[in-house]
């Protein structure tokens, strides 16, 4: 790892202390879109003029729907965890301020 990339990684770690939750959020968005939502839609759009069978179109729609459900639930859970962890931190900071 070069010096500049170490500095960038350190800056990111300082700016984003909950990097695990951000990675979870980005992963839920990008992986579900790139693996399950985009390819079936792309196949439908690419080959619609060549006469896709209704079975293939239904299969692609079902795969995209499963990907959409995964996208929504994964994103919801990741955002919920981010809010929960930030809420705990603000409560801890407030209660430690009250004790002093």
N, C-alpha and C. Protein backbone atom coordinates (compact mmCIF):
# COMPACT_ATOMS: atom_id res chain seq x y z
N UNK A 1 0.85 -1.17 0.00
CA UNK A 1 0.00 0.00 0.00
C UNK A 1 0.90 1.23 0.00
N UNK A 2 0.64 2.15 -0.90
CA UNK A 2 1.47 3.35 -0.97
C UNK A 2 1.10 4.33 0.14
N UNK A 3 1.95 5.32 0.30
CA UNK A 3 1.73 6.28 1.38
C UNK A 3 0.43 7.06 1.19
N UNK A 4 0.14 7.46 -0.04
CA UNK A 4 -1.07 8.25 -0.27
C UNK A 4 -2.33 7.41 -0.05
N UNK A 5 -2.31 6.14 -0.41
CA UNK A 5 -3.50 5.32 -0.18
C UNK A 5 -3.68 5.03 1.30
N UNK A 6 -2.58 4.92 2.06
CA UNK A 6 -2.70 4.76 3.51
C UNK A 6 -3.29 6.02 4.14
N UNK A 7 -2.87 7.17 3.63
CA UNK A 7 -3.41 8.43 4.15
C UNK A 7 -4.90 8.54 3.84
N UNK A 8 -5.29 8.12 2.65
CA UNK A 8 -6.71 8.16 2.28
C UNK A 8 -7.52 7.21 3.15
N UNK A 9 -6.99 6.02 3.39
CA UNK A 9 -7.69 5.05 4.24
C UNK A 9 -7.82 5.57 5.66
N UNK A 10 -6.77 6.22 6.15
CA UNK A 10 -6.81 6.79 7.49
C UNK A 10 -7.84 7.93 7.55
N UNK A 11 -7.86 8.75 6.54
CA UNK A 11 -8.83 9.85 6.50
C UNK A 11 -10.26 9.31 6.47
N UNK A 12 -10.49 8.25 5.68
CA UNK A 12 -11.82 7.66 5.64
C UNK A 12 -12.21 7.07 6.99
N UNK A 13 -11.25 6.43 7.66
CA UNK A 13 -11.54 5.83 8.96
C UNK A 13 -11.88 6.91 9.99
N UNK A 14 -11.25 8.06 9.87
CA UNK A 14 -11.55 9.15 10.79
C UNK A 14 -12.90 9.79 10.47
N UNK A 15 -13.15 9.99 9.17
CA UNK A 15 -14.39 10.65 8.77
C UNK A 15 -15.61 9.75 8.93
N UNK A 16 -15.43 8.44 8.72
CA UNK A 16 -16.54 7.51 8.79
C UNK A 16 -16.20 6.45 9.84
N UNK A 17 -16.48 6.72 11.12
CA UNK A 17 -16.11 5.76 12.15
C UNK A 17 -16.92 4.46 12.08
N UNK A 18 -18.11 4.49 11.56
CA UNK A 18 -18.93 3.29 11.40
C UNK A 18 -18.82 2.78 9.97
N UNK A 19 -17.61 2.49 9.55
CA UNK A 19 -17.38 2.06 8.18
C UNK A 19 -18.04 0.72 7.90
N UNK A 20 -18.15 -0.14 8.90
CA UNK A 20 -18.80 -1.43 8.70
C UNK A 20 -20.26 -1.26 8.29
N UNK A 21 -20.93 -0.28 8.86
CA UNK A 21 -22.33 -0.06 8.50
C UNK A 21 -22.46 0.57 7.12
N UNK A 22 -21.51 1.43 6.76
CA UNK A 22 -21.53 2.03 5.43
C UNK A 22 -21.26 0.97 4.37
N UNK A 23 -20.31 0.07 4.66
CA UNK A 23 -20.02 -1.02 3.72
C UNK A 23 -21.25 -1.92 3.58
N UNK A 24 -21.94 -2.16 4.66
CA UNK A 24 -23.17 -2.96 4.61
C UNK A 24 -24.23 -2.29 3.75
N UNK A 25 -24.37 -0.99 3.90
CA UNK A 25 -25.35 -0.24 3.10
C UNK A 25 -24.98 -0.26 1.62
N UNK A 26 -23.75 0.02 1.31
CA UNK A 26 -23.30 0.03 -0.09
C UNK A 26 -23.42 -1.37 -0.69
N UNK A 27 -23.08 -2.38 0.10
CA UNK A 27 -23.19 -3.75 -0.38
C UNK A 27 -24.61 -4.16 -0.68
N UNK A 28 -25.54 -3.79 0.17
CA UNK A 28 -26.93 -4.16 -0.07
C UNK A 28 -27.48 -3.48 -1.31
N UNK A 29 -27.06 -2.26 -1.54
CA UNK A 29 -27.54 -1.53 -2.72
C UNK A 29 -26.89 -2.08 -3.99
N UNK A 30 -25.57 -2.12 -3.99
CA UNK A 30 -24.88 -2.47 -5.23
C UNK A 30 -24.97 -3.95 -5.58
N UNK A 31 -24.84 -4.83 -4.61
CA UNK A 31 -24.86 -6.25 -4.95
C UNK A 31 -26.22 -6.71 -5.44
N UNK A 32 -27.27 -6.25 -4.80
CA UNK A 32 -28.59 -6.67 -5.27
C UNK A 32 -28.88 -6.08 -6.65
N UNK A 33 -28.45 -4.86 -6.89
CA UNK A 33 -28.71 -4.26 -8.20
C UNK A 33 -27.87 -4.93 -9.28
N UNK A 34 -26.58 -5.11 -9.02
CA UNK A 34 -25.69 -5.65 -10.04
C UNK A 34 -25.89 -7.14 -10.28
N UNK A 35 -26.33 -7.88 -9.27
CA UNK A 35 -26.45 -9.32 -9.43
C UNK A 35 -27.86 -9.78 -9.81
N UNK A 36 -28.88 -9.11 -9.29
CA UNK A 36 -30.23 -9.64 -9.46
C UNK A 36 -31.19 -8.72 -10.23
N UNK A 37 -31.04 -7.44 -10.12
CA UNK A 37 -32.02 -6.55 -10.76
C UNK A 37 -31.60 -6.19 -12.18
N UNK A 38 -30.38 -5.77 -12.36
CA UNK A 38 -29.93 -5.25 -13.66
C UNK A 38 -29.83 -6.31 -14.76
N UNK A 39 -29.22 -7.49 -14.54
CA UNK A 39 -29.06 -8.45 -15.65
C UNK A 39 -30.37 -8.93 -16.27
N UNK A 40 -31.40 -9.29 -15.49
CA UNK A 40 -32.64 -9.71 -16.15
C UNK A 40 -33.32 -8.59 -16.94
N UNK A 41 -33.27 -7.40 -16.38
CA UNK A 41 -33.86 -6.27 -17.11
C UNK A 41 -33.08 -5.99 -18.39
N UNK A 42 -31.76 -6.09 -18.31
CA UNK A 42 -30.92 -5.89 -19.49
C UNK A 42 -31.21 -6.94 -20.55
N UNK A 43 -31.43 -8.20 -20.14
CA UNK A 43 -31.75 -9.24 -21.10
C UNK A 43 -33.09 -8.96 -21.77
N UNK A 44 -34.06 -8.53 -21.00
CA UNK A 44 -35.36 -8.21 -21.59
C UNK A 44 -35.23 -7.07 -22.59
N UNK A 45 -34.50 -6.01 -22.20
CA UNK A 45 -34.35 -4.86 -23.10
C UNK A 45 -33.53 -5.20 -24.34
N UNK A 46 -32.54 -6.06 -24.19
CA UNK A 46 -31.66 -6.39 -25.31
C UNK A 46 -32.34 -7.31 -26.32
N UNK A 47 -33.05 -8.31 -25.83
CA UNK A 47 -33.58 -9.34 -26.72
C UNK A 47 -35.09 -9.25 -26.95
N UNK A 48 -35.71 -8.14 -26.60
CA UNK A 48 -37.16 -8.06 -26.79
C UNK A 48 -37.56 -8.09 -28.26
N UNK A 49 -36.67 -7.62 -29.15
CA UNK A 49 -36.99 -7.63 -30.58
C UNK A 49 -36.83 -9.02 -31.19
N UNK A 50 -36.10 -9.91 -30.51
CA UNK A 50 -35.89 -11.26 -31.04
C UNK A 50 -36.96 -12.23 -30.57
N UNK A 51 -37.92 -11.75 -29.85
CA UNK A 51 -39.04 -12.58 -29.44
C UNK A 51 -38.74 -13.48 -28.26
N UNK A 52 -38.53 -12.90 -27.12
CA UNK A 52 -38.35 -13.68 -25.90
C UNK A 52 -39.65 -14.41 -25.57
N UNK A 53 -39.52 -15.63 -25.09
CA UNK A 53 -40.73 -16.37 -24.71
C UNK A 53 -41.30 -15.75 -23.44
N UNK A 54 -42.60 -15.89 -23.26
CA UNK A 54 -43.21 -15.36 -22.03
C UNK A 54 -42.62 -15.98 -20.77
N UNK A 55 -42.19 -17.23 -20.85
CA UNK A 55 -41.60 -17.90 -19.70
C UNK A 55 -40.29 -17.22 -19.28
N UNK A 56 -39.48 -16.84 -20.24
CA UNK A 56 -38.22 -16.14 -19.95
C UNK A 56 -38.50 -14.77 -19.36
N UNK A 57 -39.49 -14.08 -19.89
CA UNK A 57 -39.84 -12.77 -19.37
C UNK A 57 -40.36 -12.87 -17.94
N UNK A 58 -41.18 -13.88 -17.66
CA UNK A 58 -41.69 -14.08 -16.30
C UNK A 58 -40.55 -14.44 -15.35
N UNK A 59 -39.63 -15.30 -15.82
CA UNK A 59 -38.47 -15.67 -14.99
C UNK A 59 -37.63 -14.44 -14.68
N UNK A 60 -37.37 -13.61 -15.68
CA UNK A 60 -36.59 -12.39 -15.46
C UNK A 60 -37.30 -11.42 -14.53
N UNK A 61 -38.60 -11.31 -14.66
CA UNK A 61 -39.35 -10.43 -13.77
C UNK A 61 -39.31 -10.95 -12.34
N UNK A 62 -39.40 -12.28 -12.17
CA UNK A 62 -39.35 -12.87 -10.83
C UNK A 62 -37.97 -12.66 -10.19
N UNK A 63 -36.91 -12.83 -10.96
CA UNK A 63 -35.56 -12.61 -10.45
C UNK A 63 -35.38 -11.15 -10.05
N UNK A 64 -35.85 -10.25 -10.89
CA UNK A 64 -35.75 -8.82 -10.57
C UNK A 64 -36.57 -8.47 -9.33
N UNK A 65 -37.72 -9.09 -9.17
CA UNK A 65 -38.56 -8.83 -8.00
C UNK A 65 -37.87 -9.33 -6.72
N UNK A 66 -37.26 -10.50 -6.79
CA UNK A 66 -36.51 -11.01 -5.64
C UNK A 66 -35.35 -10.07 -5.30
N UNK A 67 -34.66 -9.59 -6.34
CA UNK A 67 -33.57 -8.63 -6.12
C UNK A 67 -34.07 -7.34 -5.52
N UNK A 68 -35.24 -6.88 -5.96
CA UNK A 68 -35.81 -5.65 -5.42
C UNK A 68 -36.19 -5.82 -3.95
N UNK A 69 -36.74 -6.98 -3.61
CA UNK A 69 -37.07 -7.24 -2.21
C UNK A 69 -35.80 -7.28 -1.36
N UNK A 70 -34.75 -7.93 -1.88
CA UNK A 70 -33.47 -7.95 -1.17
C UNK A 70 -32.87 -6.57 -1.03
N UNK A 71 -32.99 -5.77 -2.08
CA UNK A 71 -32.49 -4.40 -2.04
C UNK A 71 -33.21 -3.59 -0.97
N UNK A 72 -34.53 -3.69 -0.94
CA UNK A 72 -35.31 -2.90 0.02
C UNK A 72 -35.03 -3.34 1.44
N UNK A 73 -35.06 -4.66 1.70
CA UNK A 73 -34.84 -5.12 3.06
C UNK A 73 -33.41 -4.88 3.53
N UNK A 74 -32.43 -5.12 2.66
CA UNK A 74 -31.04 -4.89 3.04
C UNK A 74 -30.75 -3.43 3.32
N UNK A 75 -31.28 -2.56 2.48
CA UNK A 75 -31.09 -1.13 2.68
C UNK A 75 -31.79 -0.66 3.94
N UNK A 76 -33.00 -1.15 4.17
CA UNK A 76 -33.75 -0.77 5.37
C UNK A 76 -33.01 -1.18 6.64
N UNK A 77 -32.53 -2.41 6.66
CA UNK A 77 -31.83 -2.91 7.85
C UNK A 77 -30.53 -2.15 8.07
N UNK A 78 -29.79 -1.88 6.99
CA UNK A 78 -28.53 -1.14 7.14
C UNK A 78 -28.78 0.27 7.67
N UNK A 79 -29.78 0.95 7.13
CA UNK A 79 -30.09 2.30 7.60
C UNK A 79 -30.60 2.26 9.04
N UNK A 80 -31.40 1.26 9.36
CA UNK A 80 -31.89 1.11 10.73
C UNK A 80 -30.73 0.93 11.71
N UNK A 81 -29.74 0.12 11.35
CA UNK A 81 -28.58 -0.10 12.21
C UNK A 81 -27.76 1.18 12.37
N UNK A 82 -27.61 1.94 11.29
CA UNK A 82 -26.88 3.20 11.36
C UNK A 82 -27.58 4.16 12.32
N UNK A 83 -28.89 4.27 12.19
CA UNK A 83 -29.65 5.16 13.07
C UNK A 83 -29.58 4.68 14.51
N UNK A 84 -29.69 3.36 14.70
CA UNK A 84 -29.64 2.80 16.05
C UNK A 84 -28.29 3.07 16.71
N UNK A 85 -27.21 2.85 15.99
CA UNK A 85 -25.89 3.08 16.57
C UNK A 85 -25.66 4.55 16.85
N UNK A 86 -26.09 5.43 15.96
CA UNK A 86 -25.93 6.86 16.20
C UNK A 86 -26.82 7.32 17.35
N UNK A 87 -27.99 6.73 17.51
CA UNK A 87 -28.86 7.06 18.63
C UNK A 87 -28.25 6.66 19.96
N UNK A 88 -27.60 5.50 19.98
CA UNK A 88 -26.93 5.06 21.21
C UNK A 88 -25.78 5.99 21.58
N UNK A 89 -25.06 6.42 20.55
CA UNK A 89 -23.92 7.32 20.82
C UNK A 89 -24.41 8.66 21.36
N UNK A 90 -25.47 9.19 20.79
CA UNK A 90 -25.95 10.48 21.27
C UNK A 90 -26.53 10.35 22.68
N UNK A 91 -27.17 9.23 22.98
CA UNK A 91 -27.70 9.00 24.32
C UNK A 91 -26.57 8.85 25.33
N UNK A 92 -25.51 8.12 24.95
CA UNK A 92 -24.36 7.94 25.83
C UNK A 92 -23.66 9.28 26.08
N UNK A 93 -23.52 10.08 25.04
CA UNK A 93 -22.86 11.37 25.18
C UNK A 93 -23.69 12.29 26.08
N UNK A 94 -25.00 12.26 25.90
CA UNK A 94 -25.87 13.10 26.71
C UNK A 94 -25.85 12.66 28.17
N UNK A 95 -25.90 11.34 28.41
CA UNK A 95 -25.93 10.86 29.79
C UNK A 95 -24.59 11.09 30.48
N UNK A 96 -23.47 10.98 29.76
CA UNK A 96 -22.17 11.25 30.38
C UNK A 96 -22.03 12.75 30.65
N UNK A 97 -22.65 13.57 29.84
CA UNK A 97 -22.62 15.01 30.08
C UNK A 97 -23.43 15.35 31.34
N UNK A 98 -24.54 14.65 31.53
CA UNK A 98 -25.39 14.90 32.69
C UNK A 98 -24.70 14.47 33.99
N UNK A 99 -23.90 13.41 33.95
CA UNK A 99 -23.22 12.92 35.15
C UNK A 99 -22.16 13.90 35.61
N UNK A 100 -21.49 14.51 34.69
CA UNK A 100 -20.41 15.43 35.05
C UNK A 100 -21.01 16.65 35.63
